[in-house]
Amino acid sequence: MSRTTTDRSDGVRFIEATWPAPAGVRAGVTTRVGGHSEPPFDAFNLATHVGDEPGRVEANRRDLESLLALPESPRWLHQTHGTQVIGPDVPGDGPEADAAFTDRADEVLAVLTADCLSVTLTSHDGREIAVAHAGWRGLADGVIEQAVERFSVAGDEMMAWLGPAIGPQHFVVGGEVREAFMHEYPPDASAFRGAAEPGKFHADLFALARSRLRRQGISRVYGGERDTFGQPDLFYSYRRDQGKTGRMATLIWREPDQV
């Protein structure tokens, strides 16, 4: 069972990652509950690019920092479904990237999702952490591999947690998506099963991410059981809501003086 952060009026607002991370490393994902945004972004939307009223998004972001007692504001990214990873030495807000890495305490890394998968990573000693936005394009192009490459330790000295994403029963893709994965690694065919429509397949993002992580030597992989499409009370879903919706944030940070 995931630990949750609540308040008395709004219920579950943040779901803690369920993994045996080292002391001081915290990670998890926000829900859509308890914020300031109006429909169709109701209510805890954290994205500025979806059409929500900017003042409401800023209020939600302030609430997030207060709710979690974050040591600093999250490092928000301009995500492009690519493989770029920023490190702690990149200045400014909103750099173009789909993953972030740091070996510094107090830095709060974040990605935004609404069906795409989020992947958090930590070294076993907790000194290095990362988060990646991994839709099917990012997965196929190697965003996980690019994030892992930033670590100074081998994969067997790391662990991962998979956040919510659209589940395979709802994620239907064309044959070109299946071919993109099988071209590199034929056993990934097991992550696809035929859909009712000819030439279409149900795709399992969680299985595809685990496959990628395993090939990087990371066998300790947790999470990956929450379907964004099937839980409208908790999560935004781009497909379910036909593109007009908010975004959750997956966060990871290292608290000071803990590692």
Protein backbone atom coordinates (compact mmCIF):
# COMPACT_ATOMS: atom_id res chain seq x y z
CA MET A 1 0.00 0.00 0.00
CA SER A 2 1.37 3.44 -0.98
CA ARG A 3 1.77 6.06 1.69
CA THR A 4 -0.21 9.22 1.00
CA THR A 5 -0.11 12.86 1.97
CA THR A 6 -3.52 14.35 2.72
CA ASP A 7 -5.19 17.38 4.14
CA ARG A 8 -8.46 17.42 6.04
CA SER A 9 -10.58 18.96 3.29
CA ASP A 10 -9.15 17.55 0.09
CA GLY A 11 -8.05 13.97 0.67
CA VAL A 12 -5.11 12.31 -1.09
CA ARG A 13 -2.89 14.89 -2.79
CA PHE A 14 0.48 13.11 -2.96
CA ILE A 15 1.26 9.40 -3.22
CA GLU A 16 4.66 8.46 -1.85
CA ALA A 17 6.81 6.07 -3.86
CA THR A 18 6.77 2.57 -2.40
CA TRP A 19 10.38 1.48 -2.65
CA PRO A 20 13.20 0.86 -0.16
CA ALA A 21 15.02 4.08 -1.01
CA PRO A 22 17.82 5.19 1.30
CA ALA A 23 17.07 7.56 4.16
CA GLY A 24 16.60 11.11 2.99
CA VAL A 25 15.49 10.28 -0.56
CA ARG A 26 11.82 11.12 -1.12
CA ALA A 27 9.76 10.56 -4.24
CA GLY A 28 6.17 10.28 -5.34
CA VAL A 29 3.43 11.66 -7.53
CA THR A 30 0.73 14.26 -7.04
CA THR A 31 -2.94 13.59 -7.76
CA ARG A 32 -5.60 15.86 -9.24
CA VAL A 33 -7.21 16.36 -5.82
CA GLY A 34 -7.50 19.52 -3.78
CA GLY A 35 -6.21 22.38 -5.89
CA HIS A 36 -7.41 25.68 -7.35
CA SER A 37 -7.97 24.83 -11.04
CA GLU A 38 -11.42 24.76 -12.60
CA PRO A 39 -12.75 22.10 -15.01
CA PRO A 40 -11.41 20.56 -17.17
CA PHE A 41 -8.18 21.07 -15.23
CA ASP A 42 -9.73 20.40 -11.84
CA ALA A 43 -8.19 20.69 -9.50
CA PHE A 44 -4.47 20.31 -8.70
CA ASN A 45 -3.04 20.93 -12.18
CA LEU A 46 0.67 21.79 -12.09
CA ALA A 47 1.29 22.47 -15.80
CA THR A 48 1.48 25.94 -17.33
CA HIS A 49 1.21 24.78 -20.97
CA VAL A 50 -2.24 23.13 -21.04
CA GLY A 51 -4.50 26.20 -21.15
CA ASP A 52 -5.19 26.54 -17.44
CA GLU A 53 -5.36 30.01 -15.87
CA PRO A 54 -1.72 30.87 -14.91
CA GLY A 55 -2.63 32.26 -11.50
CA ARG A 56 -4.35 29.01 -10.54
CA VAL A 57 -1.33 26.97 -11.62
CA GLU A 58 0.97 29.17 -9.59
CA ALA A 59 -1.30 28.75 -6.56
CA ASN A 60 -1.21 24.98 -7.02
CA ARG A 61 2.58 25.04 -7.23
CA ARG A 62 2.80 27.08 -4.03
CA ASP A 63 0.48 24.61 -2.33
CA LEU A 64 2.70 21.74 -3.48
CA GLU A 65 5.80 23.30 -1.96
CA SER A 66 3.99 23.91 1.32
CA LEU A 67 2.29 20.50 1.43
CA LEU A 68 5.57 18.61 1.07
CA ALA A 69 7.80 21.15 2.84
CA LEU A 70 10.07 21.09 -0.18
CA PRO A 71 13.58 22.44 0.36
CA GLU A 72 13.28 24.50 -2.85
CA SER A 73 10.96 24.98 -5.81
CA PRO A 74 10.89 22.04 -8.24
CA ARG A 75 13.04 22.31 -11.36
CA TRP A 76 10.24 22.35 -13.95
CA LEU A 77 11.18 21.24 -17.48
CA HIS A 78 9.94 22.05 -20.97
CA GLN A 79 9.24 18.46 -22.04
CA THR A 80 9.40 17.42 -25.71
CA HIS A 81 9.09 13.59 -25.65
CA GLY A 82 12.84 13.48 -26.23
CA THR A 83 15.85 12.07 -24.38
CA GLN A 84 17.65 15.19 -23.14
CA VAL A 85 18.75 15.01 -19.48
CA ILE A 86 19.67 18.12 -17.52
CA GLY A 87 22.12 18.04 -14.67
CA PRO A 88 22.65 20.22 -11.62
CA ASP A 89 24.86 22.62 -13.58
CA VAL A 90 22.11 23.79 -15.98
CA PRO A 91 20.88 27.29 -15.03
CA GLY A 92 17.45 28.80 -15.49
CA ASP A 93 13.85 27.63 -15.27
CA GLY A 94 12.10 25.48 -17.84
CA PRO A 95 15.02 24.05 -19.84
CA GLU A 96 14.10 21.77 -22.74
CA ALA A 97 14.55 18.23 -21.43
CA ASP A 98 12.63 15.10 -20.48
CA ALA A 99 14.77 13.99 -17.55
CA ALA A 100 16.81 15.51 -14.76
CA PHE A 101 19.70 14.27 -12.63
CA THR A 102 21.42 15.64 -9.55
CA ASP A 103 23.99 14.65 -6.98
CA ARG A 104 23.16 17.62 -4.76
CA ALA A 105 20.96 17.78 -1.70
CA ASP A 106 17.95 20.09 -1.68
CA GLU A 107 17.38 20.05 -5.46
CA VAL A 108 13.83 18.96 -6.29
CA LEU A 109 13.53 17.21 -9.67
CA ALA A 110 10.17 16.97 -11.41
CA VAL A 111 8.41 15.80 -14.56
CA LEU A 112 4.79 16.31 -15.58
CA THR A 113 2.58 13.51 -16.92
CA ALA A 114 -1.00 12.63 -17.84
CA ASP A 115 -0.70 9.06 -19.25
CA CYS A 116 3.03 8.96 -20.01
CA LEU A 117 5.16 7.03 -17.54
CA SER A 118 7.42 8.67 -14.98
CA VAL A 119 10.54 6.87 -13.77
CA THR A 120 12.46 7.87 -10.64
CA LEU A 121 15.95 6.55 -9.98
CA THR A 122 18.30 6.56 -7.01
CA SER A 123 21.66 5.08 -6.22
CA HIS A 124 21.66 2.70 -3.27
CA ASP A 125 23.58 5.25 -1.18
CA GLY A 126 21.12 8.00 -2.09
CA ARG A 127 23.77 10.43 -3.29
CA GLU A 128 22.51 10.47 -6.87
CA ILE A 129 18.91 10.75 -8.06
CA ALA A 130 17.04 11.28 -11.32
CA VAL A 131 13.56 11.42 -12.82
CA ALA A 132 12.46 10.80 -16.41
CA HIS A 133 9.32 11.48 -18.46
CA ALA A 134 8.91 8.30 -20.50
CA GLY A 135 6.09 8.02 -23.00
CA TRP A 136 6.49 5.42 -25.71
CA ARG A 137 8.63 7.73 -27.87
CA GLY A 138 10.99 8.55 -25.03
CA LEU A 139 11.24 4.92 -24.02
CA ALA A 140 11.97 3.78 -27.57
CA ASP A 141 14.55 6.52 -28.10
CA GLY A 142 16.39 5.83 -24.86
CA VAL A 143 15.45 8.43 -22.24
CA ILE A 144 15.93 5.86 -19.46
CA GLU A 145 19.36 4.92 -20.76
CA GLN A 146 20.37 8.57 -20.99
CA ALA A 147 19.29 9.17 -17.38
CA VAL A 148 21.10 6.06 -16.10
CA GLU A 149 24.26 7.15 -17.91
CA ARG A 150 24.50 10.21 -15.65
CA PHE A 151 25.06 8.05 -12.57
CA SER A 152 28.57 7.26 -11.40
CA VAL A 153 27.50 3.81 -10.17
CA ALA A 154 26.54 0.67 -12.09
CA GLY A 155 22.95 -0.43 -12.54
CA ASP A 156 23.20 -3.08 -9.84
CA GLU A 157 23.80 -0.24 -7.38
CA MET A 158 20.59 1.54 -8.34
CA MET A 159 16.83 1.12 -7.98
CA ALA A 160 13.80 2.55 -9.79
CA TRP A 161 10.18 3.40 -9.08
CA LEU A 162 7.57 3.61 -11.83
CA GLY A 163 4.82 6.17 -11.38
CA PRO A 164 1.26 6.00 -12.73
CA ALA A 165 0.70 5.68 -16.48
CA ILE A 166 -1.97 4.60 -18.91
CA GLY A 167 -2.49 0.86 -18.42
CA PRO A 168 -2.22 -1.71 -21.20
CA GLN A 169 -5.96 -2.35 -21.24
CA HIS A 170 -6.46 1.27 -22.36
CA PHE A 171 -3.28 2.05 -24.30
CA VAL A 172 -3.87 1.01 -27.92
CA VAL A 173 -1.16 1.80 -30.48
CA GLY A 174 -0.36 1.12 -34.10
CA GLY A 175 2.00 -1.51 -35.38
CA GLU A 176 4.75 1.07 -35.90
CA VAL A 177 5.05 1.46 -32.13
CA ARG A 178 5.48 -2.27 -31.66
CA GLU A 179 8.07 -2.37 -34.44
CA ALA A 180 10.03 0.51 -32.90
CA PHE A 181 10.67 -1.59 -29.79
CA MET A 182 11.05 -4.98 -31.47
CA HIS A 183 13.58 -3.62 -33.97
CA GLU A 184 16.00 -3.01 -31.11
CA TYR A 185 14.99 -5.86 -28.78
CA PRO A 186 12.71 -8.55 -30.22
CA PRO A 187 11.69 -9.98 -26.79
CA ASP A 188 9.78 -6.72 -26.19
CA ALA A 189 7.06 -8.26 -28.33
CA SER A 190 5.77 -9.72 -25.08
CA ALA A 191 4.73 -6.20 -23.97
CA PHE A 192 2.15 -6.04 -26.81
CA ARG A 193 -1.03 -7.98 -27.44
CA GLY A 194 -3.48 -7.74 -30.27
CA ALA A 195 -6.37 -5.27 -30.03
CA ALA A 196 -9.86 -5.60 -31.49
CA GLU A 197 -8.99 -3.35 -34.42
CA PRO A 198 -6.75 -5.01 -37.02
CA GLY A 199 -3.18 -3.70 -36.95
CA LYS A 200 -3.57 -2.27 -33.45
CA PHE A 201 -2.01 -3.47 -30.21
CA HIS A 202 -2.39 -3.00 -26.47
CA ALA A 203 0.98 -1.73 -25.20
CA ASP A 204 2.31 -2.17 -21.66
CA LEU A 205 4.48 0.86 -20.81
CA PHE A 206 5.39 -0.62 -17.43
CA ALA A 207 6.73 -3.82 -19.01
CA LEU A 208 8.66 -1.86 -21.63
CA ALA A 209 10.27 0.29 -18.93
CA ARG A 210 11.18 -2.73 -16.82
CA SER A 211 12.79 -4.30 -19.89
CA ARG A 212 14.89 -1.19 -20.46
CA LEU A 213 15.90 -0.95 -16.82
CA ARG A 214 16.79 -4.62 -16.64
CA ARG A 215 19.10 -4.23 -19.64
CA GLN A 216 20.83 -1.41 -17.75
CA GLY A 217 21.48 -3.78 -14.87
CA ILE A 218 18.70 -2.39 -12.67
CA SER A 219 16.76 -5.33 -11.25
CA ARG A 220 15.24 -3.54 -8.26
CA VAL A 221 12.19 -1.95 -9.89
CA TYR A 222 9.09 -0.97 -7.93
CA GLY A 223 5.70 0.59 -8.66
CA GLY A 224 4.01 0.45 -12.04
CA GLU A 225 0.57 -0.65 -10.85
CA ARG A 226 -1.55 2.52 -11.18
CA ASP A 227 -3.54 3.17 -14.38
CA THR A 228 -4.15 6.87 -15.06
CA PHE A 229 -6.95 6.21 -17.56
CA GLY A 230 -8.88 3.98 -15.18
CA GLN A 231 -8.71 6.24 -12.08
CA PRO A 232 -10.34 9.57 -13.02
CA ASP A 233 -10.85 10.47 -9.37
CA LEU A 234 -7.07 10.55 -8.79
CA PHE A 235 -5.28 11.08 -12.09
CA TYR A 236 -5.37 13.15 -15.24
CA SER A 237 -5.43 11.18 -18.50
CA TYR A 238 -4.72 12.78 -21.86
CA ARG A 239 -6.44 9.98 -23.78
CA ARG A 240 -9.45 9.62 -21.52
CA ASP A 241 -10.04 13.37 -21.43
CA GLN A 242 -9.39 13.81 -25.17
CA GLY A 243 -6.38 16.06 -24.73
CA LYS A 244 -7.99 18.73 -22.54
CA THR A 245 -6.71 18.03 -19.05
CA GLY A 246 -4.15 18.91 -16.41
CA ARG A 247 -0.89 17.27 -15.39
CA MET A 248 0.41 15.49 -12.30
CA ALA A 249 3.98 15.95 -11.11
CA THR A 250 6.36 13.16 -10.21
CA LEU A 251 9.02 14.47 -7.83
CA ILE A 252 12.24 13.19 -6.32
CA TRP A 253 14.58 15.00 -3.96
CA ARG A 254 17.20 14.37 -1.33
CA GLU A 255 16.65 16.00 2.01
CA PRO A 256 19.67 17.78 3.49
CA ASP A 257 21.95 16.13 6.04
CA GLN A 258 20.37 12.70 5.50
CA VAL A 259 22.91 10.96 3.27
